[in-house]
N, C-alpha and C. Protein backbone atom coordinates (compact mmCIF):
# COMPACT_ATOMS: atom_id res chain seq x y z
N MET A 1 0.90 -1.12 0.10
CA MET A 1 0.29 0.03 -0.21
C MET A 1 0.52 1.25 0.21
N ARG A 2 0.52 2.21 -0.66
CA ARG A 2 1.21 3.43 -0.74
C ARG A 2 0.56 4.18 0.01
N ILE A 3 1.66 5.19 0.78
CA ILE A 3 0.68 6.21 1.64
C ILE A 3 1.42 7.61 1.44
N ASP A 4 0.75 8.24 1.61
CA ASP A 4 0.59 9.85 1.58
C ASP A 4 0.77 10.81 2.92
N SER A 5 1.03 12.20 2.82
CA SER A 5 0.78 12.73 3.51
C SER A 5 -0.25 12.88 4.59
N PHE A 6 -1.22 12.34 4.23
CA PHE A 6 -2.63 12.13 5.35
C PHE A 6 -2.10 10.83 6.38
N ASP A 7 -1.49 9.31 5.14
CA ASP A 7 -1.60 8.86 6.15
C ASP A 7 -0.51 8.69 6.96
N ARG A 8 0.30 9.44 6.65
CA ARG A 8 2.05 9.55 7.45
C ARG A 8 1.14 10.57 8.68
N ALA A 9 0.73 11.11 8.36
CA ALA A 9 0.20 12.25 9.45
C ALA A 9 -0.71 11.40 10.36
N ILE A 10 -1.74 10.49 9.85
CA ILE A 10 -2.31 9.69 10.75
C ILE A 10 -2.25 8.90 12.08
N LEU A 11 -0.93 7.84 11.02
CA LEU A 11 0.40 6.79 11.43
C LEU A 11 0.77 7.64 12.51
N ASP A 12 1.32 8.31 12.63
CA ASP A 12 2.50 9.23 13.65
C ASP A 12 1.21 10.13 14.74
N ALA A 13 0.37 10.43 14.53
CA ALA A 13 -0.48 11.04 15.26
C ALA A 13 -1.07 9.25 16.31
N LEU A 14 -1.27 8.35 15.76
CA LEU A 14 -1.98 7.12 16.07
C LEU A 14 -0.95 6.35 16.99
N GLN A 15 0.37 6.83 16.76
CA GLN A 15 1.22 6.44 17.65
C GLN A 15 1.89 6.88 18.67
N ARG A 16 1.14 8.62 18.54
CA ARG A 16 1.48 9.34 20.17
C ARG A 16 0.59 9.13 21.13
N ASP A 17 -1.07 8.92 20.19
CA ASP A 17 -2.53 8.62 20.53
C ASP A 17 -3.37 7.35 20.33
N GLY A 18 -3.00 6.26 20.59
CA GLY A 18 -3.69 4.66 19.89
C GLY A 18 -5.44 5.51 20.56
N ALA A 19 -5.66 6.04 21.10
CA ALA A 19 -6.95 6.41 21.24
C ALA A 19 -7.85 7.36 21.45
N MET A 20 -7.31 7.98 20.42
CA MET A 20 -7.47 8.86 19.02
C MET A 20 -8.94 8.85 18.39
N THR A 21 -10.09 9.43 18.44
CA THR A 21 -10.72 9.24 17.64
C THR A 21 -10.61 9.79 16.37
N ASN A 22 -11.44 9.13 15.93
CA ASN A 22 -11.82 9.64 14.07
C ASN A 22 -11.65 11.12 14.04
N ALA A 23 -12.73 11.91 15.75
CA ALA A 23 -12.70 13.29 15.08
C ALA A 23 -11.07 14.22 15.63
N ALA A 24 -10.85 13.49 16.75
CA ALA A 24 -10.01 14.18 16.77
C ALA A 24 -8.33 14.52 16.24
N LEU A 25 -8.76 12.91 15.43
CA LEU A 25 -7.98 12.32 14.76
C LEU A 25 -8.07 13.87 13.35
N ALA A 26 -9.00 13.80 13.21
CA ALA A 26 -9.46 14.98 12.03
C ALA A 26 -8.90 16.06 11.67
N GLU A 27 -8.89 16.67 13.06
CA GLU A 27 -8.01 18.05 13.59
C GLU A 27 -7.30 18.26 13.27
N VAL A 28 -6.49 17.08 14.16
CA VAL A 28 -4.65 16.63 13.74
C VAL A 28 -4.54 17.02 12.58
N VAL A 29 -4.96 15.88 11.58
CA VAL A 29 -4.36 15.28 10.07
C VAL A 29 -4.99 16.33 8.71
N HIS A 30 -6.37 17.21 9.44
CA HIS A 30 -7.28 18.42 8.85
C HIS A 30 -8.03 17.94 7.71
N LEU A 31 -8.51 16.86 7.90
CA LEU A 31 -9.10 15.95 7.01
C LEU A 31 -10.48 16.05 7.68
N SER A 32 -11.67 15.77 7.13
CA SER A 32 -13.29 14.90 7.73
C SER A 32 -13.06 13.85 8.52
N ALA A 33 -13.77 13.84 9.91
CA ALA A 33 -13.50 12.50 9.71
C ALA A 33 -14.06 11.41 9.37
N SER A 34 -14.98 11.25 8.70
CA SER A 34 -15.24 10.55 7.66
C SER A 34 -13.98 10.23 7.12
N GLN A 35 -12.85 11.20 6.30
CA GLN A 35 -12.12 10.71 5.54
C GLN A 35 -11.08 10.15 6.82
N CYS A 36 -10.75 10.40 7.99
CA CYS A 36 -10.47 9.98 8.53
C CYS A 36 -10.81 8.48 8.98
N SER A 37 -11.69 8.22 8.96
CA SER A 37 -12.27 7.01 9.34
C SER A 37 -12.23 6.11 8.26
N ARG A 38 -11.94 6.63 7.23
CA ARG A 38 -11.86 4.90 6.11
C ARG A 38 -10.62 4.91 5.71
N ARG A 39 -9.32 6.42 5.89
CA ARG A 39 -7.85 6.08 5.69
C ARG A 39 -7.10 4.85 6.95
N ARG A 40 -8.16 5.15 8.45
CA ARG A 40 -7.82 4.84 9.56
C ARG A 40 -7.88 2.98 9.29
N SER A 41 -9.31 2.66 8.57
CA SER A 41 -9.28 1.23 8.52
C SER A 41 -8.72 0.62 7.07
N ALA A 42 -8.26 1.26 6.27
CA ALA A 42 -7.15 1.02 4.80
C ALA A 42 -6.06 0.61 5.60
N LEU A 43 -5.90 1.34 6.41
CA LEU A 43 -4.20 1.43 7.10
C LEU A 43 -4.62 0.16 7.80
N GLU A 44 -5.48 -0.16 8.62
CA GLU A 44 -5.72 -1.19 9.27
C GLU A 44 -5.80 -2.30 8.43
N ALA A 45 -6.51 -2.20 7.29
CA ALA A 45 -6.43 -3.11 6.92
C ALA A 45 -5.50 -3.96 5.95
N ALA A 46 -4.19 -3.11 5.77
CA ALA A 46 -3.32 -3.40 5.10
C ALA A 46 -2.57 -3.85 5.77
N GLY A 47 -2.25 -4.14 7.18
CA GLY A 47 -1.32 -4.53 8.25
C GLY A 47 -0.54 -3.32 8.54
N LEU A 48 -0.50 -1.92 8.13
CA LEU A 48 0.27 -0.83 8.77
C LEU A 48 -0.16 -0.51 10.08
N ILE A 49 -1.18 -0.86 10.51
CA ILE A 49 -1.70 -0.48 11.56
C ILE A 49 -1.37 -1.83 12.68
N GLU A 50 -1.25 -2.59 13.18
CA GLU A 50 -1.59 -4.06 14.18
C GLU A 50 -2.32 -4.02 15.00
N GLY A 51 -2.38 -2.97 15.79
CA GLY A 51 -2.87 -3.04 16.56
C GLY A 51 -3.42 -2.02 17.43
N TYR A 52 -3.88 -1.17 18.87
CA TYR A 52 -3.69 -0.56 19.24
C TYR A 52 -3.75 -0.52 21.07
N ALA A 53 -2.32 -0.65 22.17
CA ALA A 53 -2.15 -0.60 23.01
C ALA A 53 -2.00 0.90 23.79
N ALA A 54 -1.84 0.32 25.13
CA ALA A 54 -1.38 1.56 25.86
C ALA A 54 -0.46 1.06 26.70
N ARG A 55 0.12 1.98 26.42
CA ARG A 55 1.76 2.29 27.88
C ARG A 55 1.52 2.41 29.11
N LEU A 56 2.27 0.91 29.68
CA LEU A 56 2.08 1.34 31.58
C LEU A 56 2.95 1.72 31.88
N ASN A 57 3.21 2.39 32.92
CA ASN A 57 4.09 2.54 33.37
C ASN A 57 4.64 0.82 34.66
N ALA A 58 5.55 0.37 33.98
CA ALA A 58 6.18 -1.00 34.58
C ALA A 58 5.93 -0.47 36.26
N GLY A 59 6.86 0.51 36.42
CA GLY A 59 7.53 0.96 38.23
C GLY A 59 6.99 0.92 39.11
N LYS A 60 5.80 1.77 38.15
CA LYS A 60 4.73 2.43 39.25
C LYS A 60 3.05 0.96 39.54
N LEU A 61 3.29 0.22 38.36
CA LEU A 61 2.51 -1.08 38.55
C LEU A 61 3.77 -2.51 39.45
N GLY A 62 4.82 -2.18 39.75
CA GLY A 62 5.01 -3.26 40.49
C GLY A 62 6.68 -3.67 39.38
N PHE A 63 6.84 -3.79 38.76
CA PHE A 63 8.07 -4.34 38.16
C PHE A 63 8.81 -3.15 38.28
N GLY A 64 9.98 -3.17 39.50
CA GLY A 64 10.94 -2.44 39.27
C GLY A 64 12.08 -3.14 38.37
N LEU A 65 12.50 -4.21 37.88
CA LEU A 65 13.91 -4.21 36.99
C LEU A 65 13.40 -4.84 36.02
N ARG A 66 14.06 -3.92 35.40
CA ARG A 66 14.53 -4.54 33.96
C ARG A 66 15.73 -5.02 33.75
N ALA A 67 15.92 -6.33 33.05
CA ALA A 67 16.91 -6.26 32.38
C ALA A 67 17.19 -7.08 31.19
N VAL A 68 18.56 -6.53 30.62
CA VAL A 68 18.61 -6.95 29.19
C VAL A 68 19.65 -8.36 29.08
N VAL A 69 18.98 -9.48 28.64
CA VAL A 69 19.94 -10.81 28.92
C VAL A 69 19.87 -11.21 27.59
N ARG A 70 21.29 -11.60 27.21
CA ARG A 70 21.38 -12.40 25.56
C ARG A 70 22.13 -13.49 26.17
N VAL A 71 21.20 -14.41 25.33
CA VAL A 71 21.29 -15.65 25.18
C VAL A 71 22.06 -16.69 24.18
N ASN A 72 22.43 -17.63 24.12
CA ASN A 72 23.28 -18.42 23.61
C ASN A 72 22.65 -19.95 23.10
N LEU A 73 22.40 -20.31 22.70
CA LEU A 73 21.66 -21.63 22.61
C LEU A 73 22.87 -23.16 22.03
N LYS A 74 22.50 -23.93 22.28
CA LYS A 74 23.77 -24.94 22.44
C LYS A 74 23.73 -26.07 21.41
N ASP A 75 22.77 -26.08 20.41
CA ASP A 75 21.87 -26.54 19.27
C ASP A 75 21.86 -25.75 18.13
N HIS A 76 21.92 -25.62 16.96
CA HIS A 76 21.11 -24.80 16.18
C HIS A 76 20.39 -25.19 14.95
N GLY A 77 19.72 -26.44 15.59
CA GLY A 77 19.27 -27.29 14.70
C GLY A 77 17.70 -26.26 14.02
N ARG A 78 17.29 -27.33 13.16
CA ARG A 78 15.65 -27.28 12.49
C ARG A 78 15.04 -26.73 14.18
N GLY A 79 14.50 -27.63 15.03
CA GLY A 79 13.89 -27.04 15.95
C GLY A 79 14.03 -25.76 17.48
N SER A 80 15.45 -26.02 16.89
CA SER A 80 16.03 -24.97 17.83
C SER A 80 15.47 -23.70 18.27
N ASP A 81 15.33 -22.99 16.69
CA ASP A 81 14.90 -22.01 17.23
C ASP A 81 13.19 -22.14 17.96
N GLY A 82 12.15 -22.57 16.87
CA GLY A 82 10.80 -22.60 17.21
C GLY A 82 10.72 -23.55 18.76
N ASP A 83 11.73 -24.47 19.01
CA ASP A 83 11.40 -24.82 20.75
C ASP A 83 12.14 -23.94 21.45
N PHE A 84 12.89 -23.00 21.35
CA PHE A 84 13.37 -21.75 22.33
C PHE A 84 12.26 -20.43 21.94
N GLY A 85 11.53 -20.27 21.05
CA GLY A 85 10.50 -18.80 21.14
C GLY A 85 9.13 -19.46 21.50
N ALA A 86 8.79 -20.94 21.45
CA ALA A 86 7.77 -21.68 22.15
C ALA A 86 8.14 -20.83 23.68
N PHE A 87 9.08 -21.46 24.56
CA PHE A 87 9.85 -21.27 25.95
C PHE A 87 9.43 -19.74 25.42
N VAL A 88 9.61 -18.60 24.98
CA VAL A 88 9.72 -16.98 25.56
C VAL A 88 8.56 -16.66 25.38
N ARG A 89 7.64 -17.24 24.25
CA ARG A 89 6.05 -16.76 24.36
C ARG A 89 5.65 -17.34 25.29
N ALA A 90 6.00 -18.47 26.23
CA ALA A 90 5.04 -18.30 27.26
C ALA A 90 5.49 -18.63 28.78
N SER A 91 7.21 -17.35 28.71
CA SER A 91 7.53 -16.43 29.73
C SER A 91 7.20 -15.16 30.02
N PRO A 92 5.81 -15.27 30.75
CA PRO A 92 5.56 -13.75 30.80
C PRO A 92 7.17 -12.92 31.09
N GLU A 93 7.80 -13.35 32.16
CA GLU A 93 8.93 -12.07 32.34
C GLU A 93 9.58 -11.48 31.27
N VAL A 94 9.66 -12.88 29.58
CA VAL A 94 10.24 -11.52 28.67
C VAL A 94 9.09 -11.08 27.71
N ALA A 95 9.76 -9.10 28.46
CA ALA A 95 8.23 -8.10 27.18
C ALA A 95 8.87 -7.89 25.92
N SER A 96 9.98 -8.51 25.83
CA SER A 96 10.43 -8.66 24.22
C SER A 96 11.38 -9.65 23.51
N ALA A 97 11.75 -10.18 22.85
CA ALA A 97 12.90 -11.24 23.11
C ALA A 97 12.98 -10.96 21.18
N PHE A 98 14.40 -10.41 20.75
CA PHE A 98 15.13 -10.50 19.22
C PHE A 98 16.07 -11.63 18.77
N SER A 99 16.25 -12.32 17.93
CA SER A 99 16.68 -13.22 17.01
C SER A 99 17.48 -12.11 16.64
N VAL A 100 19.15 -11.97 16.47
CA VAL A 100 19.99 -11.26 16.26
C VAL A 100 21.47 -11.98 15.94
N SER A 101 21.53 -11.47 14.98
CA SER A 101 22.98 -11.47 14.53
C SER A 101 24.16 -10.36 16.06
N GLY A 102 25.63 -10.99 15.79
CA GLY A 102 26.46 -10.84 16.62
C GLY A 102 27.12 -12.34 18.07
N ASP A 103 27.25 -11.44 19.39
CA ASP A 103 27.54 -12.49 19.86
C ASP A 103 26.50 -13.63 20.45
N ALA A 104 25.70 -12.66 20.67
CA ALA A 104 24.43 -13.87 21.48
C ALA A 104 23.50 -14.30 20.03
N ASP A 105 22.39 -15.30 20.20
CA ASP A 105 21.40 -15.46 19.91
C ASP A 105 20.09 -15.14 20.05
N TYR A 106 20.38 -14.72 21.08
CA TYR A 106 18.55 -14.11 21.19
C TYR A 106 18.95 -13.10 22.64
N ILE A 107 18.49 -11.78 21.86
CA ILE A 107 18.37 -11.07 23.20
C ILE A 107 17.25 -10.91 23.83
N LEU A 108 16.85 -10.47 25.19
CA LEU A 108 15.56 -10.30 26.12
C LEU A 108 15.22 -9.43 26.51
N ASP A 109 14.33 -8.57 26.31
CA ASP A 109 14.15 -7.76 26.95
C ASP A 109 13.54 -8.83 28.36
N ILE A 110 13.71 -8.56 30.08
CA ILE A 110 12.98 -8.59 31.20
C ILE A 110 12.28 -8.40 31.85
N ARG A 111 11.21 -8.10 32.26
CA ARG A 111 10.60 -7.13 33.58
C ARG A 111 9.71 -7.85 34.54
N VAL A 112 10.53 -8.04 35.76
CA VAL A 112 10.00 -8.46 36.72
C VAL A 112 10.27 -7.99 38.04
N ARG A 113 9.47 -8.44 39.05
CA ARG A 113 9.27 -7.26 40.36
C ARG A 113 10.08 -6.56 40.92
N ASP A 114 11.50 -7.92 40.76
CA ASP A 114 12.85 -7.21 41.67
C ASP A 114 13.66 -8.65 41.38
N LEU A 115 15.10 -8.15 41.93
CA LEU A 115 15.93 -9.03 41.80
C LEU A 115 16.07 -10.40 42.06
N GLU A 116 14.96 -10.45 42.99
CA GLU A 116 14.72 -11.56 43.56
C GLU A 116 13.98 -12.87 42.56
N ALA A 117 13.40 -11.90 41.99
CA ALA A 117 12.26 -12.83 40.99
C ALA A 117 12.85 -12.90 39.17
N PHE A 118 13.85 -11.68 38.92
CA PHE A 118 15.29 -12.07 37.85
C PHE A 118 15.98 -13.32 37.88
N ALA A 119 16.30 -13.15 39.50
CA ALA A 119 17.43 -14.45 39.93
C ALA A 119 16.49 -15.52 39.47
N GLU A 120 15.33 -15.65 40.64
CA GLU A 120 14.07 -17.34 39.61
C GLU A 120 14.25 -17.26 38.15
N PHE A 121 14.22 -16.00 37.80
CA PHE A 121 13.55 -16.57 36.28
C PHE A 121 14.82 -17.35 35.10
N VAL A 122 16.27 -16.59 35.83
CA VAL A 122 17.17 -16.64 35.37
C VAL A 122 17.72 -18.22 35.76
N HIS A 123 18.31 -18.82 36.88
CA HIS A 123 18.17 -20.05 37.74
C HIS A 123 17.05 -21.00 37.71
N GLY A 124 15.85 -20.70 37.43
CA GLY A 124 14.91 -21.65 37.74
C GLY A 124 14.44 -21.99 36.57
N GLN A 125 14.28 -20.65 35.33
CA GLN A 125 13.75 -21.31 33.97
C GLN A 125 14.56 -21.31 33.01
N LEU A 126 15.27 -20.02 32.70
CA LEU A 126 16.27 -19.70 31.36
C LEU A 126 17.25 -21.03 31.86
N LEU A 127 18.33 -20.93 32.68
CA LEU A 127 19.39 -21.90 32.60
C LEU A 127 19.16 -22.91 32.59
N PRO A 128 18.19 -23.31 33.13
CA PRO A 128 17.75 -25.21 33.07
C PRO A 128 17.71 -25.39 31.73
N HIS A 129 16.78 -24.57 30.83
CA HIS A 129 16.52 -25.45 29.65
C HIS A 129 17.08 -26.00 28.85
N PRO A 130 16.90 -26.61 28.19
CA PRO A 130 18.52 -28.14 27.40
C PRO A 130 18.34 -27.20 26.12
N LEU A 131 18.01 -26.35 25.45
CA LEU A 131 18.58 -25.44 24.45
C LEU A 131 19.62 -24.23 24.78
N VAL A 132 19.89 -23.89 26.26
CA VAL A 132 21.16 -22.79 26.40
C VAL A 132 21.65 -23.07 26.59
N SER A 133 23.00 -22.42 26.35
CA SER A 133 24.61 -23.14 26.82
C SER A 133 24.65 -22.16 28.15
N GLN A 134 23.89 -20.64 27.22
CA GLN A 134 25.25 -19.49 27.65
C GLN A 134 24.14 -17.86 27.64
N VAL A 135 23.97 -17.52 29.04
CA VAL A 135 22.88 -16.71 29.64
C VAL A 135 23.91 -15.63 29.79
N ARG A 136 24.09 -14.06 29.60
CA ARG A 136 24.51 -13.19 30.01
C ARG A 136 23.93 -12.18 30.22
N SER A 137 23.65 -11.09 30.82
CA SER A 137 22.08 -10.33 31.75
C SER A 137 22.53 -8.93 32.33
N ASP A 138 22.40 -7.57 31.79
CA ASP A 138 22.79 -6.81 32.07
C ASP A 138 21.31 -5.76 33.13
N ILE A 139 21.23 -4.95 34.17
CA ILE A 139 20.63 -4.57 34.76
C ILE A 139 20.61 -3.12 34.46
N VAL A 140 18.74 -2.86 33.31
CA VAL A 140 19.05 -1.48 33.24
C VAL A 140 18.67 -0.51 34.56
N LEU A 141 19.68 0.26 35.08
CA LEU A 141 19.81 0.95 36.02
C LEU A 141 19.04 2.42 35.83
N LYS A 142 18.81 3.41 34.38
CA LYS A 142 18.17 4.56 33.76
C LYS A 142 17.60 4.08 32.46
N THR A 143 16.16 4.31 32.49
CA THR A 143 15.68 4.23 30.63
C THR A 143 16.39 5.54 30.29
N LEU A 144 16.98 5.66 29.37
CA LEU A 144 17.10 7.01 28.41
C LEU A 144 16.45 7.52 27.75
N LYS A 145 15.83 6.35 27.08
CA LYS A 145 14.80 6.38 25.78
C LYS A 145 13.88 5.70 25.42
N ASP A 146 12.97 5.49 25.64
CA ASP A 146 12.50 3.60 25.16
C ASP A 146 11.07 4.21 24.76
N ARG A 147 11.34 4.48 23.22
CA ARG A 147 10.20 5.21 22.13
C ARG A 147 9.58 3.87 21.38
N GLY A 148 8.37 3.82 21.42
CA GLY A 148 8.13 2.43 20.19
C GLY A 148 7.81 3.55 18.52
N ALA A 149 7.89 4.95 18.50
CA ALA A 149 7.59 5.19 17.46
C ALA A 149 8.33 5.30 16.60
N LEU A 150 7.82 5.27 15.22
CA LEU A 150 9.12 5.42 14.07
C LEU A 150 9.01 6.50 13.84
N ASP A 151 9.95 7.35 13.39
CA ASP A 151 9.78 8.25 12.58
C ASP A 151 9.57 8.04 11.08
N LEU A 152 8.49 8.32 10.98
CA LEU A 152 7.78 8.29 9.28
C LEU A 152 8.30 9.51 8.88
N ALA A 153 9.20 10.10 8.79
CA ALA A 153 9.51 10.94 7.81
C ALA A 153 9.57 10.33 6.19
N ALA A 154 10.78 9.29 6.71
CA ALA A 154 11.44 8.44 4.93
C ALA A 154 10.00 8.26 4.30
N VAL A 155 9.22 7.77 4.85
CA VAL A 155 8.44 6.92 4.46
C VAL A 155 7.79 7.71 3.26
């Protein structure tokens, strides 16, 4: 789907506030509410908008520890990626996970209540996993930037 400046403006506005009504969106992008509604539906149907979610404050909700964990697997056979992926998807401690190039096979973004919960996850679930050969972790001390929005200027 080709997008124009109005579509970019709609996407940009929705990145900032996914709960924005079509009437409010119309004011921002300078189109009618019905045009915004049609364009928004088309962007959703094309898969450019995958969904809407509220950004929660993890710290205020009791998830005071964030860690970046690099994982190496013992085996890189056909089923390894799928088996480890199933483990990651089933682990509520894992906020996001990435298969990466470099010195690790995967990078996991872990959100837990405290150091005790982190240790339990690493020692009780991650390290005992039969595919895991090495785990290296870094505790996040301060978040400098945590933006999920895309820069749409080049689109």
